[in-house]
Structures are given as C-alpha cells and as structure tokens.
C-alpha cells in the first residue's frame, strides 16, 4: 500500500527511558528538522512515569 495515499504513520522504533523535563524540546527540534525526510517523533509518558519515544515514517 502506498503510504502517501493512506496518510498513516508507520512505527520504525520506540524506546523507554527515565523522564526528564526538557525531552520535549529535543523531540520538537528533531521533528522540525526531519519533516522533509518523512520522519516524525512522538513522546509519551508511561504509567510508570517513564518516557517513551517513538520514531515514525510518514
């Protein structure tokens, strides 16, 4: 299936790590600079309080 026609994100990788407050700044910086490479990052907090960063292909 062609990614551009479906508009879906395909997860490439994800990693859990200890939380720290400025991580969102790194994710924002990378998303702004990698959008032309069809890469997007996501950041979420787990139930345990850790952070989960995910890399997607758009």
N, C-alpha and C. Protein backbone atom coordinates (compact mmCIF):
# COMPACT_ATOMS: atom_id res chain seq x y z
N UNK A 1 0.84 -1.18 0.00
CA UNK A 1 0.00 0.00 0.00
C UNK A 1 0.89 1.24 0.00
N UNK A 2 0.51 2.24 -0.74
CA UNK A 2 1.27 3.48 -0.83
C UNK A 2 1.01 4.33 0.41
N UNK A 3 2.08 4.69 1.12
CA UNK A 3 1.97 5.48 2.36
C UNK A 3 1.30 6.82 2.11
N UNK A 4 1.63 7.49 0.98
CA UNK A 4 1.12 8.83 0.74
C UNK A 4 -0.40 8.83 0.58
N UNK A 5 -0.96 7.77 0.02
CA UNK A 5 -2.40 7.73 -0.17
C UNK A 5 -3.14 7.35 1.11
N UNK A 6 -2.50 6.59 2.00
CA UNK A 6 -3.17 6.16 3.21
C UNK A 6 -3.09 7.21 4.32
N UNK A 7 -2.03 8.01 4.34
CA UNK A 7 -1.85 9.03 5.36
C UNK A 7 -1.52 8.47 6.73
N UNK A 8 -1.18 7.20 6.81
CA UNK A 8 -0.88 6.56 8.10
C UNK A 8 0.59 6.70 8.44
N UNK A 9 0.86 6.62 9.73
CA UNK A 9 2.23 6.62 10.23
C UNK A 9 2.65 5.19 10.48
N UNK A 10 3.86 4.85 10.06
CA UNK A 10 4.39 3.52 10.31
C UNK A 10 5.49 3.64 11.36
N UNK A 11 5.34 2.91 12.47
CA UNK A 11 6.33 2.98 13.54
C UNK A 11 7.60 2.25 13.11
N UNK A 12 8.72 2.91 13.32
CA UNK A 12 10.03 2.33 12.99
C UNK A 12 10.66 1.75 14.24
N UNK A 13 10.60 2.51 15.35
CA UNK A 13 11.23 2.06 16.60
C UNK A 13 10.65 2.84 17.77
N UNK A 14 10.81 2.29 18.96
CA UNK A 14 10.45 3.01 20.18
C UNK A 14 11.38 2.57 21.30
N UNK A 15 11.55 3.47 22.27
CA UNK A 15 12.48 3.22 23.38
C UNK A 15 11.95 3.91 24.62
N UNK A 16 11.96 3.18 25.74
CA UNK A 16 11.55 3.73 27.03
C UNK A 16 12.79 4.17 27.81
N UNK A 17 12.68 5.30 28.51
CA UNK A 17 13.81 5.81 29.30
C UNK A 17 13.29 6.65 30.44
N UNK A 18 14.18 6.98 31.36
CA UNK A 18 13.81 7.81 32.51
C UNK A 18 13.36 9.19 32.03
N UNK A 19 12.37 9.72 32.70
CA UNK A 19 11.80 11.01 32.33
C UNK A 19 12.72 12.17 32.73
N UNK A 20 12.80 13.16 31.85
CA UNK A 20 13.39 14.43 32.24
C UNK A 20 12.69 15.56 31.49
N UNK A 21 12.61 16.71 32.11
CA UNK A 21 11.68 17.77 31.71
C UNK A 21 11.92 18.37 30.33
N UNK A 22 13.14 18.41 29.83
CA UNK A 22 13.41 19.08 28.55
C UNK A 22 13.38 18.15 27.34
N UNK A 23 12.99 16.92 27.52
CA UNK A 23 12.98 15.99 26.39
C UNK A 23 12.07 16.47 25.26
N UNK A 24 10.95 17.11 25.60
CA UNK A 24 10.04 17.59 24.57
C UNK A 24 10.72 18.60 23.64
N UNK A 25 11.70 19.35 24.16
CA UNK A 25 12.43 20.32 23.32
C UNK A 25 13.26 19.61 22.26
N UNK A 26 13.85 18.49 22.63
CA UNK A 26 14.64 17.70 21.67
C UNK A 26 13.73 17.11 20.60
N UNK A 27 12.61 16.55 21.01
CA UNK A 27 11.67 15.97 20.06
C UNK A 27 11.13 17.04 19.11
N UNK A 28 10.80 18.20 19.63
CA UNK A 28 10.31 19.31 18.80
C UNK A 28 11.37 19.74 17.78
N UNK A 29 12.61 19.89 18.23
CA UNK A 29 13.72 20.26 17.36
C UNK A 29 13.90 19.24 16.23
N UNK A 30 13.91 17.96 16.59
CA UNK A 30 14.08 16.90 15.59
C UNK A 30 12.91 16.86 14.61
N UNK A 31 11.69 17.00 15.10
CA UNK A 31 10.53 16.99 14.20
C UNK A 31 10.59 18.14 13.19
N UNK A 32 10.98 19.31 13.63
CA UNK A 32 11.07 20.46 12.72
C UNK A 32 12.14 20.25 11.66
N UNK A 33 13.23 19.59 12.01
CA UNK A 33 14.34 19.44 11.09
C UNK A 33 14.33 18.15 10.27
N UNK A 34 13.47 17.21 10.63
CA UNK A 34 13.42 15.94 9.89
C UNK A 34 12.14 15.78 9.07
N UNK A 35 11.25 16.78 9.08
CA UNK A 35 9.98 16.60 8.38
C UNK A 35 10.16 16.38 6.89
N UNK A 36 11.18 16.97 6.28
CA UNK A 36 11.41 16.75 4.84
C UNK A 36 12.01 15.37 4.56
N UNK A 37 12.43 14.67 5.60
CA UNK A 37 12.96 13.30 5.47
C UNK A 37 11.86 12.26 5.73
N UNK A 38 10.63 12.74 5.94
CA UNK A 38 9.47 11.88 6.20
C UNK A 38 9.63 11.05 7.48
N UNK A 39 10.23 11.70 8.49
CA UNK A 39 10.41 11.08 9.81
C UNK A 39 9.73 11.99 10.84
N UNK A 40 9.03 11.38 11.79
CA UNK A 40 8.38 12.11 12.86
C UNK A 40 8.60 11.37 14.16
N UNK A 41 8.80 12.10 15.24
CA UNK A 41 8.99 11.50 16.55
C UNK A 41 7.79 11.81 17.43
N UNK A 42 7.49 10.87 18.30
CA UNK A 42 6.43 11.05 19.28
C UNK A 42 6.99 10.82 20.67
N UNK A 43 6.42 11.49 21.65
CA UNK A 43 6.88 11.37 23.03
C UNK A 43 5.66 11.20 23.91
N UNK A 44 5.68 10.19 24.76
CA UNK A 44 4.58 9.97 25.68
C UNK A 44 5.11 9.49 27.02
N UNK A 45 4.27 9.63 28.02
CA UNK A 45 4.63 9.20 29.38
C UNK A 45 3.94 7.87 29.66
N UNK A 46 4.69 6.92 30.21
CA UNK A 46 4.12 5.62 30.54
C UNK A 46 3.43 5.69 31.90
N UNK A 47 2.69 4.66 32.22
CA UNK A 47 2.01 4.59 33.52
C UNK A 47 3.00 4.60 34.68
N UNK A 48 4.21 4.09 34.42
CA UNK A 48 5.24 4.04 35.46
C UNK A 48 5.96 5.37 35.64
N UNK A 49 5.67 6.36 34.77
CA UNK A 49 6.33 7.65 34.88
C UNK A 49 7.55 7.79 33.99
N UNK A 50 7.89 6.75 33.24
CA UNK A 50 8.99 6.84 32.28
C UNK A 50 8.50 7.53 31.01
N UNK A 51 9.43 7.85 30.13
CA UNK A 51 9.10 8.44 28.83
C UNK A 51 9.27 7.38 27.75
N UNK A 52 8.43 7.44 26.73
CA UNK A 52 8.51 6.54 25.59
C UNK A 52 8.65 7.41 24.35
N UNK A 53 9.77 7.27 23.66
CA UNK A 53 9.97 8.00 22.41
C UNK A 53 9.77 7.01 21.27
N UNK A 54 9.03 7.45 20.26
CA UNK A 54 8.73 6.59 19.11
C UNK A 54 9.14 7.34 17.84
N UNK A 55 9.66 6.58 16.88
CA UNK A 55 10.04 7.13 15.58
C UNK A 55 9.09 6.57 14.54
N UNK A 56 8.54 7.46 13.73
CA UNK A 56 7.57 7.08 12.70
C UNK A 56 8.06 7.51 11.33
N UNK A 57 7.67 6.73 10.32
CA UNK A 57 7.84 7.14 8.94
C UNK A 57 6.49 7.62 8.46
N UNK A 58 6.46 8.80 7.86
CA UNK A 58 5.18 9.38 7.41
C UNK A 58 4.92 9.06 5.96
